[in-house]
Amino acid sequence: MYKKVAYYLRIISLVLFIVFICLLLEIIFNCGVFGISFLIMCSLFVLINIFTILSRKDIYKELVSYNLISLALTIYLGIIVTKLYTDYRASSMMYMINYDYFKTNFIIIDLVILGIILNTLFIYFWDIKKED
C-alpha cells in the first residue's frame, strides 16, 4: 500500500517539479552558468523519471525511499518558488532579488539530482544483473 502511494506521489511530484521550473525560468536565466547547469540537470531529472516510468520495472515502484527522495526534491523546489513569490514579489514593485540565494540552492539541487540519476542507473543495472 505505502509503496504504491509513494510511487504515485512521485509521479504527481514530477508534474509539480516541471511547473516549479517553469515558474523559475526568469530567475534561472538571470543566474547565468549556474542557472543553465540547473536547467540541464532538471531536464535530466525529468528524463530519468520518464525512463523509470516507461521501463515498468517493479523495483522503482517497490523502493519507497527512492520515491520519497524525488518527492522531497520537489518540496524543496516548491519552498524556493514560494519564497520567490512571497518574499520578493509581494513586498513591493521595486524589489531586489538575491541571486546568490538561488545560485546556492541551484547547486544543492544539481548535486541531489546527480545523486538521484546515479542511484537510478545503479538500481537499473543491479536489477538487470539480478535477473540474469
C-alpha atoms as a PDB file:
ATOM      1  CA  MET A   1       0.000   0.000   0.000  1.00  0.00           C
ATOM      2  CA  TYR A   2       2.705   2.514   1.034  1.00  0.00           C
ATOM      3  CA  LYS A   3       4.812   1.544  -1.940  1.00  0.00           C
ATOM      4  CA  LYS A   4       2.091   2.388  -4.446  1.00  0.00           C
ATOM      5  CA  VAL A   5       1.225   5.639  -2.683  1.00  0.00           C
ATOM      6  CA  ALA A   6       4.876   6.721  -2.689  1.00  0.00           C
ATOM      7  CA  TYR A   7       5.204   5.789  -6.376  1.00  0.00           C
ATOM      8  CA  TYR A   8       2.138   7.754  -7.433  1.00  0.00           C
ATOM      9  CA  LEU A   9       3.171  10.702  -5.270  1.00  0.00           C
ATOM     10  CA  ARG A  10       6.480  10.697  -7.160  1.00  0.00           C
ATOM     11  CA  ILE A  11       4.629  10.866 -10.468  1.00  0.00           C
ATOM     12  CA  ILE A  12       2.475  13.753  -9.220  1.00  0.00           C
ATOM     13  CA  SER A  13       5.559  15.477  -7.827  1.00  0.00           C
ATOM     14  CA  LEU A  14       7.230  15.204 -11.233  1.00  0.00           C
ATOM     15  CA  VAL A  15       4.416  17.273 -12.743  1.00  0.00           C
ATOM     16  CA  LEU A  16       4.739  19.819  -9.924  1.00  0.00           C
ATOM     17  CA  PHE A  17       8.513  19.863 -10.447  1.00  0.00           C
ATOM     18  CA  ILE A  18       8.014  20.857 -14.086  1.00  0.00           C
ATOM     19  CA  VAL A  19       5.550  23.582 -13.061  1.00  0.00           C
ATOM     20  CA  PHE A  20       8.017  24.937 -10.487  1.00  0.00           C
ATOM     21  CA  ILE A  21      10.794  25.021 -13.089  1.00  0.00           C
ATOM     22  CA  CYS A  22       8.525  26.990 -15.426  1.00  0.00           C
ATOM     23  CA  LEU A  23       7.810  29.469 -12.637  1.00  0.00           C
ATOM     24  CA  LEU A  24      11.545  29.915 -12.032  1.00  0.00           C
ATOM     25  CA  LEU A  25      12.620  30.355 -15.661  1.00  0.00           C
ATOM     26  CA  GLU A  26      13.285  34.088 -15.344  1.00  0.00           C
ATOM     27  CA  ILE A  27      15.480  33.551 -12.291  1.00  0.00           C
ATOM     28  CA  ILE A  28      17.205  30.563 -13.901  1.00  0.00           C
ATOM     29  CA  PHE A  29      18.252  32.558 -16.957  1.00  0.00           C
ATOM     30  CA  ASN A  30      19.382  35.503 -14.822  1.00  0.00           C
ATOM     31  CA  CYS A  31      21.715  33.256 -12.789  1.00  0.00           C
ATOM     32  CA  GLY A  32      23.983  32.646 -15.768  1.00  0.00           C
ATOM     33  CA  VAL A  33      26.053  29.472 -15.760  1.00  0.00           C
ATOM     34  CA  PHE A  34      24.509  28.248 -12.509  1.00  0.00           C
ATOM     35  CA  GLY A  35      21.039  28.598 -13.951  1.00  0.00           C
ATOM     36  CA  ILE A  36      21.895  26.854 -17.206  1.00  0.00           C
ATOM     37  CA  SER A  37      23.527  23.926 -15.383  1.00  0.00           C
ATOM     38  CA  PHE A  38      20.476  23.777 -13.130  1.00  0.00           C
ATOM     39  CA  LEU A  39      18.174  23.695 -16.157  1.00  0.00           C
ATOM     40  CA  ILE A  40      20.227  20.920 -17.748  1.00  0.00           C
ATOM     41  CA  MET A  41      20.177  18.849 -14.558  1.00  0.00           C
ATOM     42  CA  CYS A  42      16.435  19.379 -14.183  1.00  0.00           C
ATOM     43  CA  SER A  43      15.927  18.216 -17.761  1.00  0.00           C
ATOM     44  CA  LEU A  44      17.961  15.100 -16.987  1.00  0.00           C
ATOM     45  CA  PHE A  45      15.895  14.571 -13.834  1.00  0.00           C
ATOM     46  CA  VAL A  46      12.650  14.716 -15.804  1.00  0.00           C
ATOM     47  CA  LEU A  47      14.060  12.379 -18.469  1.00  0.00           C
ATOM     48  CA  ILE A  48      15.274   9.856 -15.891  1.00  0.00           C
ATOM     49  CA  ASN A  49      11.859   9.896 -14.239  1.00  0.00           C
ATOM     50  CA  ILE A  50      10.160   9.318 -17.576  1.00  0.00           C
ATOM     51  CA  PHE A  51      12.626   6.478 -18.181  1.00  0.00           C
ATOM     52  CA  THR A  52      11.734   4.838 -14.859  1.00  0.00           C
ATOM     53  CA  ILE A  53       8.030   5.141 -15.585  1.00  0.00           C
ATOM     54  CA  LEU A  54       8.338   3.750 -19.102  1.00  0.00           C
ATOM     55  CA  SER A  55      10.674   0.912 -18.070  1.00  0.00           C
ATOM     56  CA  ARG A  56       7.837  -0.516 -15.945  1.00  0.00           C
ATOM     57  CA  LYS A  57      10.323  -2.155 -13.613  1.00  0.00           C
ATOM     58  CA  ASP A  58       8.789  -3.117 -10.315  1.00  0.00           C
ATOM     59  CA  ILE A  59      11.915  -2.165  -8.412  1.00  0.00           C
ATOM     60  CA  TYR A  60      11.165   1.549  -8.902  1.00  0.00           C
ATOM     61  CA  LYS A  61       7.673   1.014  -7.505  1.00  0.00           C
ATOM     62  CA  GLU A  62       8.904  -1.008  -4.533  1.00  0.00           C
ATOM     63  CA  LEU A  63      11.648   1.325  -3.306  1.00  0.00           C
ATOM     64  CA  VAL A  64       9.802   3.766  -1.072  1.00  0.00           C
ATOM     65  CA  SER A  65      12.976   5.687  -0.201  1.00  0.00           C
ATOM     66  CA  TYR A  66      13.749   6.261  -3.883  1.00  0.00           C
ATOM     67  CA  ASN A  67      10.289   7.687  -4.472  1.00  0.00           C
ATOM     68  CA  LEU A  68      10.395   9.820  -1.334  1.00  0.00           C
ATOM     69  CA  ILE A  69      13.690  11.431  -2.348  1.00  0.00           C
ATOM     70  CA  SER A  70      12.103  12.667  -5.574  1.00  0.00           C
ATOM     71  CA  LEU A  71       9.120  13.915  -3.604  1.00  0.00           C
ATOM     72  CA  ALA A  72      11.406  15.720  -1.138  1.00  0.00           C
ATOM     73  CA  LEU A  73      13.274  17.363  -4.013  1.00  0.00           C
ATOM     74  CA  THR A  74      10.008  18.716  -5.393  1.00  0.00           C
ATOM     75  CA  ILE A  75       9.022  20.019  -1.950  1.00  0.00           C
ATOM     76  CA  TYR A  76      12.419  21.725  -1.632  1.00  0.00           C
ATOM     77  CA  LEU A  77      11.980  23.374  -5.029  1.00  0.00           C
ATOM     78  CA  GLY A  78       8.451  24.361  -4.024  1.00  0.00           C
ATOM     79  CA  ILE A  79       9.844  26.137  -0.964  1.00  0.00           C
ATOM     80  CA  ILE A  80      12.213  28.094  -3.197  1.00  0.00           C
ATOM     81  CA  VAL A  81       9.359  29.083  -5.532  1.00  0.00           C
ATOM     82  CA  THR A  82       7.187  30.045  -2.559  1.00  0.00           C
ATOM     83  CA  LYS A  83       9.991  32.216  -1.174  1.00  0.00           C
ATOM     84  CA  LEU A  84      10.368  33.913  -4.549  1.00  0.00           C
ATOM     85  CA  TYR A  85       6.707  34.732  -4.925  1.00  0.00           C
ATOM     86  CA  THR A  86       6.004  35.673  -1.304  1.00  0.00           C
ATOM     87  CA  ASP A  87       9.168  37.463  -0.192  1.00  0.00           C
ATOM     88  CA  TYR A  88      10.251  39.190  -3.375  1.00  0.00           C
ATOM     89  CA  ARG A  89       7.119  39.692  -5.440  1.00  0.00           C
ATOM     90  CA  ALA A  90       4.654  40.681  -2.735  1.00  0.00           C
ATOM     91  CA  SER A  91       6.814  43.172  -0.865  1.00  0.00           C
ATOM     92  CA  SER A  92       6.995  45.924  -3.457  1.00  0.00           C
ATOM     93  CA  MET A  93       7.258  46.686  -7.129  1.00  0.00           C
ATOM     94  CA  MET A  94      10.894  47.653  -6.668  1.00  0.00           C
ATOM     95  CA  TYR A  95      12.413  44.502  -5.250  1.00  0.00           C
ATOM     96  CA  MET A  96      15.955  43.277  -5.231  1.00  0.00           C
ATOM     97  CA  ILE A  97      16.349  39.582  -5.804  1.00  0.00           C
ATOM     98  CA  ASN A  98      19.260  37.935  -4.066  1.00  0.00           C
ATOM     99  CA  TYR A  99      20.621  35.771  -6.865  1.00  0.00           C
ATOM    100  CA  ASP A 100      23.253  34.263  -4.555  1.00  0.00           C
ATOM    101  CA  TYR A 101      20.422  32.556  -2.655  1.00  0.00           C
ATOM    102  CA  PHE A 102      19.140  30.982  -5.861  1.00  0.00           C
ATOM    103  CA  LYS A 103      22.625  30.055  -7.112  1.00  0.00           C
ATOM    104  CA  THR A 104      23.385  28.246  -3.858  1.00  0.00           C
ATOM    105  CA  ASN A 105      20.109  26.356  -3.974  1.00  0.00           C
ATOM    106  CA  PHE A 106      20.614  25.522  -7.650  1.00  0.00           C
ATOM    107  CA  ILE A 107      23.980  23.956  -6.791  1.00  0.00           C
ATOM    108  CA  ILE A 108      22.402  21.937  -3.968  1.00  0.00           C
ATOM    109  CA  ILE A 109      19.603  20.722  -6.238  1.00  0.00           C
ATOM    110  CA  ASP A 110      22.122  19.898  -9.008  1.00  0.00           C
ATOM    111  CA  LEU A 111      24.042  17.654  -6.611  1.00  0.00           C
ATOM    112  CA  VAL A 112      20.877  15.949  -5.380  1.00  0.00           C
ATOM    113  CA  ILE A 113      19.708  15.334  -8.950  1.00  0.00           C
ATOM    114  CA  LEU A 114      23.128  13.931  -9.836  1.00  0.00           C
ATOM    115  CA  GLY A 115      22.817  11.535  -6.903  1.00  0.00           C
ATOM    116  CA  ILE A 116      19.311  10.511  -7.977  1.00  0.00           C
ATOM    117  CA  ILE A 117      20.479   9.876 -11.544  1.00  0.00           C
ATOM    118  CA  LEU A 118      23.428   7.770 -10.411  1.00  0.00           C
ATOM    119  CA  ASN A 119      21.189   5.874  -7.994  1.00  0.00           C
ATOM    120  CA  THR A 120      18.648   5.230 -10.753  1.00  0.00           C
ATOM    121  CA  LEU A 121      21.295   3.866 -13.088  1.00  0.00           C
ATOM    122  CA  PHE A 122      22.757   1.732 -10.304  1.00  0.00           C
ATOM    123  CA  ILE A 123      19.321   0.287  -9.490  1.00  0.00           C
ATOM    124  CA  TYR A 124      18.616  -0.360 -13.169  1.00  0.00           C
ATOM    125  CA  PHE A 125      21.867  -2.238 -13.808  1.00  0.00           C
ATOM    126  CA  TRP A 126      21.685  -4.050 -10.478  1.00  0.00           C
ATOM    127  CA  ASP A 127      18.169  -5.251 -11.317  1.00  0.00           C
ATOM    128  CA  ILE A 128      19.299  -6.436 -14.781  1.00  0.00           C
ATOM    129  CA  LYS A 129      22.223  -8.306 -13.250  1.00  0.00           C
ATOM    130  CA  LYS A 130      19.915  -9.859 -10.630  1.00  0.00           C
ATOM    131  CA  GLU A 131      17.528 -11.065 -13.356  1.00  0.00           C
ATOM    132  CA  ASP A 132      20.354 -12.838 -15.217  1.00  0.00           C
END
